[in-house]
Amino acid sequence: MTDFAGEAAAAALWTRGVLDEQARAFLAPLEPQARRTDAALYHGSGRDPVWEYVLSDDAAWWTFQATSEPLVLVGHSHVPLRISFDGESLEGGVADDGAEIDLSQKRWLLNPGSVGQPRQGDPRAAYLLLDLDARRASFRRVEYDVQRTQSEMREAGLPEMLAARLELGQ
């Protein structure tokens, strides 16, 4: 847990303490990156699969440079993104709810967002529907019981800031 500080460390320690053996067995072999013929996946970025946030053109550009797959999926930042690369320039940014992407044209970097703490001001859970056969992606949002989640976080003794930010989508 030395890689985390403050509230993140408290949440990581709490999570480690409540995971059952089945969950630990599922998580243990997972890597922060994976590759398929048609997609590269990273927790962070192609340049730093663990820690780098892809929130700038620079980070997106370097991730495209580190990969050759037509689709790059990232996470970590909690911000839903859709960024295309035509070999020379980047286009895109934050992905709105309902955004539909035709993956058959250009290369794409997508971040599905987050179920919890979607950090761009919308507290709804964000996710991505991906159909690799049809070469389509769809960004979605769904309401969830934020107040109940906050109550459960407070009952568990997690830092107040983590619970409070859920309401703001930050």
C-alpha atoms as a PDB file:
ATOM      1  CA  MET A   1       0.000   0.000   0.000  1.00  0.00           C
ATOM      2  CA  THR A   2       3.018   2.288  -0.100  1.00  0.00           C
ATOM      3  CA  ASP A   3       2.050   3.404  -3.617  1.00  0.00           C
ATOM      4  CA  PHE A   4      -1.041   5.136  -2.233  1.00  0.00           C
ATOM      5  CA  ALA A   5      -1.404   8.152   0.026  1.00  0.00           C
ATOM      6  CA  GLY A   6      -4.169   9.678   2.110  1.00  0.00           C
ATOM      7  CA  GLU A   7      -7.734   8.702   1.270  1.00  0.00           C
ATOM      8  CA  ALA A   8      -6.644   6.356  -1.525  1.00  0.00           C
ATOM      9  CA  ALA A   9      -4.463   4.398   0.917  1.00  0.00           C
ATOM     10  CA  ALA A  10      -7.337   4.148   3.395  1.00  0.00           C
ATOM     11  CA  ALA A  11      -9.678   2.862   0.685  1.00  0.00           C
ATOM     12  CA  ALA A  12      -7.101   0.360  -0.598  1.00  0.00           C
ATOM     13  CA  LEU A  13      -6.466  -0.985   2.916  1.00  0.00           C
ATOM     14  CA  TRP A  14     -10.199  -1.285   3.570  1.00  0.00           C
ATOM     15  CA  THR A  15     -10.712  -3.104   0.262  1.00  0.00           C
ATOM     16  CA  ARG A  16      -7.868  -5.505   0.979  1.00  0.00           C
ATOM     17  CA  GLY A  17      -9.458  -6.288   4.333  1.00  0.00           C
ATOM     18  CA  VAL A  18     -12.928  -7.094   2.980  1.00  0.00           C
ATOM     19  CA  LEU A  19     -12.087  -9.098  -0.145  1.00  0.00           C
ATOM     20  CA  ASP A  20     -12.948 -12.767   0.178  1.00  0.00           C
ATOM     21  CA  GLU A  21     -10.700 -15.535  -1.147  1.00  0.00           C
ATOM     22  CA  GLN A  22     -12.719 -15.970  -4.345  1.00  0.00           C
ATOM     23  CA  ALA A  23     -12.312 -12.277  -5.189  1.00  0.00           C
ATOM     24  CA  ARG A  24      -8.607 -12.383  -4.346  1.00  0.00           C
ATOM     25  CA  ALA A  25      -8.141 -15.447  -6.572  1.00  0.00           C
ATOM     26  CA  PHE A  26      -9.867 -13.652  -9.449  1.00  0.00           C
ATOM     27  CA  LEU A  27      -7.819 -10.465  -9.061  1.00  0.00           C
ATOM     28  CA  ALA A  28      -4.396 -11.997  -8.341  1.00  0.00           C
ATOM     29  CA  PRO A  29      -3.441 -12.994 -11.914  1.00  0.00           C
ATOM     30  CA  LEU A  30      -4.736  -9.799 -13.550  1.00  0.00           C
ATOM     31  CA  GLU A  31      -2.160  -7.604 -15.246  1.00  0.00           C
ATOM     32  CA  PRO A  32      -2.322  -3.810 -15.762  1.00  0.00           C
ATOM     33  CA  GLN A  33      -2.146  -4.366 -19.528  1.00  0.00           C
ATOM     34  CA  ALA A  34      -3.214  -6.854 -22.177  1.00  0.00           C
ATOM     35  CA  ARG A  35      -3.130  -7.112 -25.945  1.00  0.00           C
ATOM     36  CA  ARG A  36      -5.271  -8.756 -28.569  1.00  0.00           C
ATOM     37  CA  THR A  37      -4.979  -8.571 -32.330  1.00  0.00           C
ATOM     38  CA  ASP A  38      -7.516  -5.754 -32.465  1.00  0.00           C
ATOM     39  CA  ALA A  39      -7.151  -4.058 -29.074  1.00  0.00           C
ATOM     40  CA  ALA A  40      -4.641  -2.968 -26.443  1.00  0.00           C
ATOM     41  CA  LEU A  41      -5.868  -2.531 -22.874  1.00  0.00           C
ATOM     42  CA  TYR A  42      -4.205  -0.565 -20.104  1.00  0.00           C
ATOM     43  CA  HIS A  43      -5.166   0.459 -16.618  1.00  0.00           C
ATOM     44  CA  GLY A  44      -3.177   3.672 -17.123  1.00  0.00           C
ATOM     45  CA  SER A  45      -1.602   4.299 -20.526  1.00  0.00           C
ATOM     46  CA  GLY A  46       0.582   2.672 -23.147  1.00  0.00           C
ATOM     47  CA  ARG A  47       3.537   4.608 -21.766  1.00  0.00           C
ATOM     48  CA  ASP A  48       2.867   3.722 -18.105  1.00  0.00           C
ATOM     49  CA  PRO A  49       0.296   0.924 -17.803  1.00  0.00           C
ATOM     50  CA  VAL A  50      -0.280   1.496 -14.088  1.00  0.00           C
ATOM     51  CA  TRP A  51      -0.018   5.139 -13.107  1.00  0.00           C
ATOM     52  CA  GLU A  52      -0.329   7.554 -16.041  1.00  0.00           C
ATOM     53  CA  TYR A  53      -3.657   9.282 -16.540  1.00  0.00           C
ATOM     54  CA  VAL A  54      -4.664   9.789 -20.175  1.00  0.00           C
ATOM     55  CA  LEU A  55      -6.164  13.250 -19.777  1.00  0.00           C
ATOM     56  CA  SER A  56      -4.000  15.265 -22.175  1.00  0.00           C
ATOM     57  CA  ASP A  57      -3.217  15.201 -25.865  1.00  0.00           C
ATOM     58  CA  ASP A  58       0.378  14.376 -24.961  1.00  0.00           C
ATOM     59  CA  ALA A  59      -0.580  11.272 -22.957  1.00  0.00           C
ATOM     60  CA  ALA A  60      -3.014  10.148 -25.692  1.00  0.00           C
ATOM     61  CA  TRP A  61      -0.425  10.697 -28.442  1.00  0.00           C
ATOM     62  CA  TRP A  62       2.234   8.690 -26.586  1.00  0.00           C
ATOM     63  CA  THR A  63      -0.240   5.902 -25.930  1.00  0.00           C
ATOM     64  CA  PHE A  64      -1.006   5.694 -29.649  1.00  0.00           C
ATOM     65  CA  GLN A  65       2.744   5.680 -30.364  1.00  0.00           C
ATOM     66  CA  ALA A  66       3.250   2.777 -27.935  1.00  0.00           C
ATOM     67  CA  THR A  67       0.609   0.656 -29.671  1.00  0.00           C
ATOM     68  CA  SER A  68      -0.308  -0.571 -33.126  1.00  0.00           C
ATOM     69  CA  GLU A  69      -3.768  -1.950 -32.414  1.00  0.00           C
ATOM     70  CA  PRO A  70      -6.736  -0.089 -33.930  1.00  0.00           C
ATOM     71  CA  LEU A  71      -8.414   0.176 -30.511  1.00  0.00           C
ATOM     72  CA  VAL A  72      -6.805   1.229 -27.241  1.00  0.00           C
ATOM     73  CA  LEU A  73      -8.802   0.975 -24.006  1.00  0.00           C
ATOM     74  CA  VAL A  74      -7.631   2.798 -20.889  1.00  0.00           C
ATOM     75  CA  GLY A  75      -8.960   3.451 -17.410  1.00  0.00           C
ATOM     76  CA  HIS A  76      -7.455   4.981 -14.261  1.00  0.00           C
ATOM     77  CA  SER A  77      -8.662   8.565 -14.747  1.00  0.00           C
ATOM     78  CA  HIS A  78     -12.363   7.663 -14.316  1.00  0.00           C
ATOM     79  CA  VAL A  79     -13.182  10.108 -17.149  1.00  0.00           C
ATOM     80  CA  PRO A  80     -15.038   8.699 -20.185  1.00  0.00           C
ATOM     81  CA  LEU A  81     -12.986   9.547 -23.267  1.00  0.00           C
ATOM     82  CA  ARG A  82     -13.183   9.088 -27.016  1.00  0.00           C
ATOM     83  CA  ILE A  83     -10.096  10.147 -28.914  1.00  0.00           C
ATOM     84  CA  SER A  84      -9.342   9.265 -32.531  1.00  0.00           C
ATOM     85  CA  PHE A  85      -5.960   9.245 -34.248  1.00  0.00           C
ATOM     86  CA  ASP A  86      -5.553   9.306 -38.025  1.00  0.00           C
ATOM     87  CA  GLY A  87      -1.775   8.832 -37.965  1.00  0.00           C
ATOM     88  CA  GLU A  88      -1.101  12.554 -37.708  1.00  0.00           C
ATOM     89  CA  SER A  89      -3.587  14.296 -35.449  1.00  0.00           C
ATOM     90  CA  LEU A  90      -5.821  13.620 -32.476  1.00  0.00           C
ATOM     91  CA  GLU A  91      -9.494  14.496 -32.285  1.00  0.00           C
ATOM     92  CA  GLY A  92     -12.032  14.097 -29.488  1.00  0.00           C
ATOM     93  CA  GLY A  93     -12.233  14.410 -25.727  1.00  0.00           C
ATOM     94  CA  VAL A  94     -14.767  13.634 -23.023  1.00  0.00           C
ATOM     95  CA  ALA A  95     -17.431  11.196 -24.249  1.00  0.00           C
ATOM     96  CA  ASP A  96     -21.023  12.213 -23.606  1.00  0.00           C
ATOM     97  CA  ASP A  97     -23.742   9.783 -22.552  1.00  0.00           C
ATOM     98  CA  GLY A  98     -25.101   8.095 -25.670  1.00  0.00           C
ATOM     99  CA  ALA A  99     -22.039   8.812 -27.830  1.00  0.00           C
ATOM    100  CA  GLU A 100     -21.761   6.214 -30.588  1.00  0.00           C
ATOM    101  CA  ILE A 101     -18.394   5.440 -32.173  1.00  0.00           C
ATOM    102  CA  ASP A 102     -17.728   3.752 -35.517  1.00  0.00           C
ATOM    103  CA  LEU A 103     -14.489   1.901 -34.812  1.00  0.00           C
ATOM    104  CA  SER A 104     -13.966   0.922 -38.462  1.00  0.00           C
ATOM    105  CA  GLN A 105     -12.469   4.322 -39.308  1.00  0.00           C
ATOM    106  CA  LYS A 106      -9.237   5.627 -37.709  1.00  0.00           C
ATOM    107  CA  ARG A 107      -7.641   4.336 -34.534  1.00  0.00           C
ATOM    108  CA  TRP A 108      -9.469   4.984 -31.270  1.00  0.00           C
ATOM    109  CA  LEU A 109      -8.536   5.445 -27.628  1.00  0.00           C
ATOM    110  CA  LEU A 110     -11.529   4.935 -25.333  1.00  0.00           C
ATOM    111  CA  ASN A 111     -12.003   5.165 -21.582  1.00  0.00           C
ATOM    112  CA  PRO A 112     -15.364   3.802 -20.394  1.00  0.00           C
ATOM    113  CA  GLY A 113     -15.428   6.066 -17.345  1.00  0.00           C
ATOM    114  CA  SER A 114     -16.244   4.700 -13.936  1.00  0.00           C
ATOM    115  CA  VAL A 115     -18.909   3.094 -11.832  1.00  0.00           C
ATOM    116  CA  GLY A 116     -18.292   5.355  -8.851  1.00  0.00           C
ATOM    117  CA  GLN A 117     -16.340   8.598  -8.838  1.00  0.00           C
ATOM    118  CA  PRO A 118     -16.770   9.483 -12.536  1.00  0.00           C
ATOM    119  CA  ARG A 119     -14.611  12.559 -12.179  1.00  0.00           C
ATOM    120  CA  GLN A 120     -16.053  14.994 -14.688  1.00  0.00           C
ATOM    121  CA  GLY A 121     -19.038  16.282 -12.726  1.00  0.00           C
ATOM    122  CA  ASP A 122     -21.716  13.688 -13.542  1.00  0.00           C
ATOM    123  CA  PRO A 123     -22.356  11.344 -10.581  1.00  0.00           C
ATOM    124  CA  ARG A 124     -24.061   8.642 -12.666  1.00  0.00           C
ATOM    125  CA  ALA A 125     -22.167   5.421 -13.304  1.00  0.00           C
ATOM    126  CA  ALA A 126     -20.420   5.427 -16.695  1.00  0.00           C
ATOM    127  CA  TYR A 127     -19.758   2.395 -18.856  1.00  0.00           C
ATOM    128  CA  LEU A 128     -18.996   1.381 -22.428  1.00  0.00           C
ATOM    129  CA  LEU A 129     -20.755  -1.129 -24.659  1.00  0.00           C
ATOM    130  CA  LEU A 130     -18.213  -2.552 -27.066  1.00  0.00           C
ATOM    131  CA  ASP A 131     -19.043  -4.734 -30.091  1.00  0.00           C
ATOM    132  CA  LEU A 132     -15.762  -5.686 -31.749  1.00  0.00           C
ATOM    133  CA  ASP A 133     -17.485  -7.750 -34.440  1.00  0.00           C
ATOM    134  CA  ALA A 134     -19.634  -4.795 -35.542  1.00  0.00           C
ATOM    135  CA  ARG A 135     -16.764  -2.331 -34.808  1.00  0.00           C
ATOM    136  CA  ARG A 136     -19.048  -0.149 -32.665  1.00  0.00           C
ATOM    137  CA  ALA A 137     -18.779   1.409 -29.217  1.00  0.00           C
ATOM    138  CA  SER A 138     -21.498   3.158 -27.200  1.00  0.00           C
ATOM    139  CA  PHE A 139     -21.027   5.244 -24.075  1.00  0.00           C
ATOM    140  CA  ARG A 140     -23.731   4.928 -21.438  1.00  0.00           C
ATOM    141  CA  ARG A 141     -24.707   6.408 -18.057  1.00  0.00           C
ATOM    142  CA  VAL A 142     -27.017   4.981 -15.437  1.00  0.00           C
ATOM    143  CA  GLU A 143     -28.335   6.308 -12.143  1.00  0.00           C
ATOM    144  CA  TYR A 144     -27.437   4.447  -8.978  1.00  0.00           C
ATOM    145  CA  ASP A 145     -28.253   5.001  -5.318  1.00  0.00           C
ATOM    146  CA  VAL A 146     -25.507   7.466  -4.406  1.00  0.00           C
ATOM    147  CA  GLN A 147     -26.949   8.178  -0.939  1.00  0.00           C
ATOM    148  CA  ARG A 148     -27.000   4.480  -0.051  1.00  0.00           C
ATOM    149  CA  THR A 149     -23.432   4.081  -1.271  1.00  0.00           C
ATOM    150  CA  GLN A 150     -22.369   7.103   0.776  1.00  0.00           C
ATOM    151  CA  SER A 151     -24.075   5.667   3.889  1.00  0.00           C
ATOM    152  CA  GLU A 152     -22.319   2.335   3.416  1.00  0.00           C
ATOM    153  CA  MET A 153     -18.969   4.080   2.973  1.00  0.00           C
ATOM    154  CA  ARG A 154     -19.484   6.097   6.148  1.00  0.00           C
ATOM    155  CA  GLU A 155     -20.566   2.987   8.095  1.00  0.00           C
ATOM    156  CA  ALA A 156     -17.395   1.247   6.910  1.00  0.00           C
ATOM    157  CA  GLY A 157     -15.303   4.127   8.240  1.00  0.00           C
ATOM    158  CA  LEU A 158     -13.962   5.239   4.875  1.00  0.00           C
ATOM    159  CA  PRO A 159     -12.776   8.845   4.585  1.00  0.00           C
ATOM    160  CA  GLU A 160     -15.623  11.382   4.386  1.00  0.00           C
ATOM    161  CA  MET A 161     -14.106  13.037   1.315  1.00  0.00           C
ATOM    162  CA  LEU A 162     -14.516   9.825  -0.682  1.00  0.00           C
ATOM    163  CA  ALA A 163     -18.190   9.584   0.210  1.00  0.00           C
ATOM    164  CA  ALA A 164     -18.916  13.280  -0.334  1.00  0.00           C
ATOM    165  CA  ARG A 165     -17.365  13.411  -3.793  1.00  0.00           C
ATOM    166  CA  LEU A 166     -19.736  10.747  -5.150  1.00  0.00           C
ATOM    167  CA  GLU A 167     -22.605  13.237  -5.103  1.00  0.00           C
ATOM    168  CA  LEU A 168     -20.602  15.678  -7.210  1.00  0.00           C
ATOM    169  CA  GLY A 169     -19.226  13.166  -9.677  1.00  0.00           C
ATOM    170  CA  GLN A 170     -15.675  14.118  -8.730  1.00  0.00           C
END
